[in-house]
Amino acid sequence: MRIKLLMVACAVAVGASASAAAEDLNATQQLGRQLFGQSCAVCHLKQQLGAQTFGPPLSQASLGGQEDVMREVIANGTPRMPAFKYHFEPAQIAAIVSYLKTVPTP
């Protein structure tokens, strides 16, 4: 019972912190966060404790912080990452980059 209570308390705390962080994002950044969560997080965020990621963690400092390079890599991919130019519109790719520019460097 204590473990369940602790887990619920942690979930509420994380949810409140994520909600506060989301309030600081403009509409474009919120869209980018949503798209990142749907298509990028599976490879670039740890899903469980001890899980490996396929790609590096992304932040405002990724690719030297150069937005044009970020858009290029998202659109055209790399040898280890698929291209998303047929999956996302250019404005959606720009939204993801806009969101990444708000993510602190790990």
C-alpha atoms as a PDB file:
ATOM      1  CA  MET A   1       0.000   0.000   0.000  1.00  0.00           C
ATOM      2  CA  ARG A   2       2.819   2.418   0.855  1.00  0.00           C
ATOM      3  CA  ILE A   3       4.475   1.775  -2.494  1.00  0.00           C
ATOM      4  CA  LYS A   4       1.240   2.534  -4.358  1.00  0.00           C
ATOM      5  CA  LEU A   5       0.780   5.734  -2.364  1.00  0.00           C
ATOM      6  CA  LEU A   6       4.359   6.782  -3.078  1.00  0.00           C
ATOM      7  CA  MET A   7       3.912   6.054  -6.786  1.00  0.00           C
ATOM      8  CA  VAL A   8       0.734   8.133  -6.920  1.00  0.00           C
ATOM      9  CA  ALA A   9       2.433  11.015  -5.108  1.00  0.00           C
ATOM     10  CA  CYS A  10       5.345  10.912  -7.552  1.00  0.00           C
ATOM     11  CA  ALA A  11       2.999  10.797 -10.536  1.00  0.00           C
ATOM     12  CA  VAL A  12       1.077  13.823  -9.240  1.00  0.00           C
ATOM     13  CA  ALA A  13       4.310  15.736  -8.647  1.00  0.00           C
ATOM     14  CA  VAL A  14       5.629  14.922 -12.123  1.00  0.00           C
ATOM     15  CA  GLY A  15       2.290  15.798 -13.706  1.00  0.00           C
ATOM     16  CA  ALA A  16       2.176  19.140 -11.909  1.00  0.00           C
ATOM     17  CA  SER A  17       5.721  19.951 -12.969  1.00  0.00           C
ATOM     18  CA  ALA A  18       5.042  18.948 -16.587  1.00  0.00           C
ATOM     19  CA  SER A  19       1.850  21.000 -16.552  1.00  0.00           C
ATOM     20  CA  ALA A  20       3.714  24.061 -15.260  1.00  0.00           C
ATOM     21  CA  ALA A  21       6.392  23.584 -17.903  1.00  0.00           C
ATOM     22  CA  ALA A  22       3.740  23.286 -20.620  1.00  0.00           C
ATOM     23  CA  GLU A  23       2.226  26.598 -19.551  1.00  0.00           C
ATOM     24  CA  ASP A  24       5.536  28.296 -20.331  1.00  0.00           C
ATOM     25  CA  LEU A  25       5.456  27.051 -23.937  1.00  0.00           C
ATOM     26  CA  ASN A  26       3.803  28.996 -26.748  1.00  0.00           C
ATOM     27  CA  ALA A  27       1.369  27.252 -29.121  1.00  0.00           C
ATOM     28  CA  THR A  28       4.104  26.303 -31.626  1.00  0.00           C
ATOM     29  CA  GLN A  29       6.319  24.842 -28.896  1.00  0.00           C
ATOM     30  CA  GLN A  30       3.371  22.906 -27.452  1.00  0.00           C
ATOM     31  CA  LEU A  31       2.675  21.426 -30.887  1.00  0.00           C
ATOM     32  CA  GLY A  32       6.362  20.538 -31.199  1.00  0.00           C
ATOM     33  CA  ARG A  33       6.282  18.878 -27.786  1.00  0.00           C
ATOM     34  CA  GLN A  34       3.239  16.821 -28.815  1.00  0.00           C
ATOM     35  CA  LEU A  35       4.824  15.759 -32.121  1.00  0.00           C
ATOM     36  CA  PHE A  36       8.123  14.972 -30.382  1.00  0.00           C
ATOM     37  CA  GLY A  37       6.265  12.790 -27.896  1.00  0.00           C
ATOM     38  CA  GLN A  38       4.437  10.936 -30.663  1.00  0.00           C
ATOM     39  CA  SER A  39       7.310  10.329 -33.072  1.00  0.00           C
ATOM     40  CA  CYS A  40      10.691  11.094 -31.483  1.00  0.00           C
ATOM     41  CA  ALA A  41      10.480  10.144 -27.814  1.00  0.00           C
ATOM     42  CA  VAL A  42      10.494   6.402 -28.506  1.00  0.00           C
ATOM     43  CA  CYS A  43      14.142   6.687 -29.616  1.00  0.00           C
ATOM     44  CA  HIS A  44      15.349   9.832 -27.865  1.00  0.00           C
ATOM     45  CA  LEU A  45      13.905   9.457 -24.339  1.00  0.00           C
ATOM     46  CA  LYS A  46      14.311   6.629 -21.855  1.00  0.00           C
ATOM     47  CA  GLN A  47      10.961   4.898 -21.567  1.00  0.00           C
ATOM     48  CA  GLN A  48      11.740   2.898 -18.413  1.00  0.00           C
ATOM     49  CA  LEU A  49      14.395   2.832 -15.747  1.00  0.00           C
ATOM     50  CA  GLY A  50      17.444   1.076 -17.117  1.00  0.00           C
ATOM     51  CA  ALA A  51      16.156   1.138 -20.711  1.00  0.00           C
ATOM     52  CA  GLN A  52      18.541   2.042 -23.500  1.00  0.00           C
ATOM     53  CA  THR A  53      17.754   4.747 -26.033  1.00  0.00           C
ATOM     54  CA  PHE A  54      18.406   4.301 -29.738  1.00  0.00           C
ATOM     55  CA  GLY A  55      19.279   7.950 -30.339  1.00  0.00           C
ATOM     56  CA  PRO A  56      20.985  10.611 -28.263  1.00  0.00           C
ATOM     57  CA  PRO A  57      18.973  12.737 -25.832  1.00  0.00           C
ATOM     58  CA  LEU A  58      17.904  15.924 -27.607  1.00  0.00           C
ATOM     59  CA  SER A  59      18.029  19.463 -26.235  1.00  0.00           C
ATOM     60  CA  GLN A  60      18.628  23.068 -27.164  1.00  0.00           C
ATOM     61  CA  ALA A  61      22.330  22.247 -27.612  1.00  0.00           C
ATOM     62  CA  SER A  62      21.770  19.371 -30.062  1.00  0.00           C
ATOM     63  CA  LEU A  63      23.606  19.790 -33.363  1.00  0.00           C
ATOM     64  CA  GLY A  64      25.372  22.848 -31.971  1.00  0.00           C
ATOM     65  CA  GLY A  65      22.033  24.545 -31.309  1.00  0.00           C
ATOM     66  CA  GLN A  66      21.706  25.366 -35.011  1.00  0.00           C
ATOM     67  CA  GLU A  67      18.007  25.383 -35.875  1.00  0.00           C
ATOM     68  CA  ASP A  68      18.558  25.026 -39.624  1.00  0.00           C
ATOM     69  CA  VAL A  69      20.710  21.918 -39.055  1.00  0.00           C
ATOM     70  CA  MET A  70      18.066  20.480 -36.693  1.00  0.00           C
ATOM     71  CA  ARG A  71      15.367  20.976 -39.345  1.00  0.00           C
ATOM     72  CA  GLU A  72      17.604  19.369 -41.986  1.00  0.00           C
ATOM     73  CA  VAL A  73      18.307  16.279 -39.868  1.00  0.00           C
ATOM     74  CA  ILE A  74      14.657  15.826 -38.899  1.00  0.00           C
ATOM     75  CA  ALA A  75      13.544  16.200 -42.527  1.00  0.00           C
ATOM     76  CA  ASN A  76      16.241  14.082 -44.207  1.00  0.00           C
ATOM     77  CA  GLY A  77      17.344  11.767 -41.424  1.00  0.00           C
ATOM     78  CA  THR A  78      20.787  10.262 -40.932  1.00  0.00           C
ATOM     79  CA  PRO A  79      22.211   6.796 -41.589  1.00  0.00           C
ATOM     80  CA  ARG A  80      20.764   5.739 -38.188  1.00  0.00           C
ATOM     81  CA  MET A  81      17.574   7.853 -38.157  1.00  0.00           C
ATOM     82  CA  PRO A  82      14.677   7.840 -40.604  1.00  0.00           C
ATOM     83  CA  ALA A  83      13.702  10.944 -42.545  1.00  0.00           C
ATOM     84  CA  PHE A  84      10.458  12.623 -41.496  1.00  0.00           C
ATOM     85  CA  LYS A  85       9.955  14.935 -44.501  1.00  0.00           C
ATOM     86  CA  TYR A  86       7.086  12.762 -45.753  1.00  0.00           C
ATOM     87  CA  HIS A  87       5.634  12.347 -42.257  1.00  0.00           C
ATOM     88  CA  PHE A  88       5.666  15.997 -41.135  1.00  0.00           C
ATOM     89  CA  GLU A  89       4.931  19.268 -42.876  1.00  0.00           C
ATOM     90  CA  PRO A  90       7.762  21.863 -42.769  1.00  0.00           C
ATOM     91  CA  ALA A  91       5.800  23.853 -40.157  1.00  0.00           C
ATOM     92  CA  GLN A  92       5.564  20.760 -37.954  1.00  0.00           C
ATOM     93  CA  ILE A  93       9.313  20.166 -38.228  1.00  0.00           C
ATOM     94  CA  ALA A  94       9.849  23.816 -37.288  1.00  0.00           C
ATOM     95  CA  ALA A  95       7.542  23.303 -34.287  1.00  0.00           C
ATOM     96  CA  ILE A  96       9.619  20.331 -33.096  1.00  0.00           C
ATOM     97  CA  VAL A  97      12.786  22.429 -33.405  1.00  0.00           C
ATOM     98  CA  SER A  98      11.085  25.282 -31.560  1.00  0.00           C
ATOM     99  CA  TYR A  99      10.221  22.868 -28.741  1.00  0.00           C
ATOM    100  CA  LEU A 100      13.753  21.402 -28.646  1.00  0.00           C
ATOM    101  CA  LYS A 101      15.128  24.933 -28.183  1.00  0.00           C
ATOM    102  CA  THR A 102      13.274  25.004 -24.826  1.00  0.00           C
ATOM    103  CA  VAL A 103      14.716  21.688 -23.576  1.00  0.00           C
ATOM    104  CA  PRO A 104      17.689  22.239 -21.235  1.00  0.00           C
ATOM    105  CA  THR A 105      20.949  20.501 -22.008  1.00  0.00           C
ATOM    106  CA  PRO A 106      21.204  17.275 -19.978  1.00  0.00           C
END
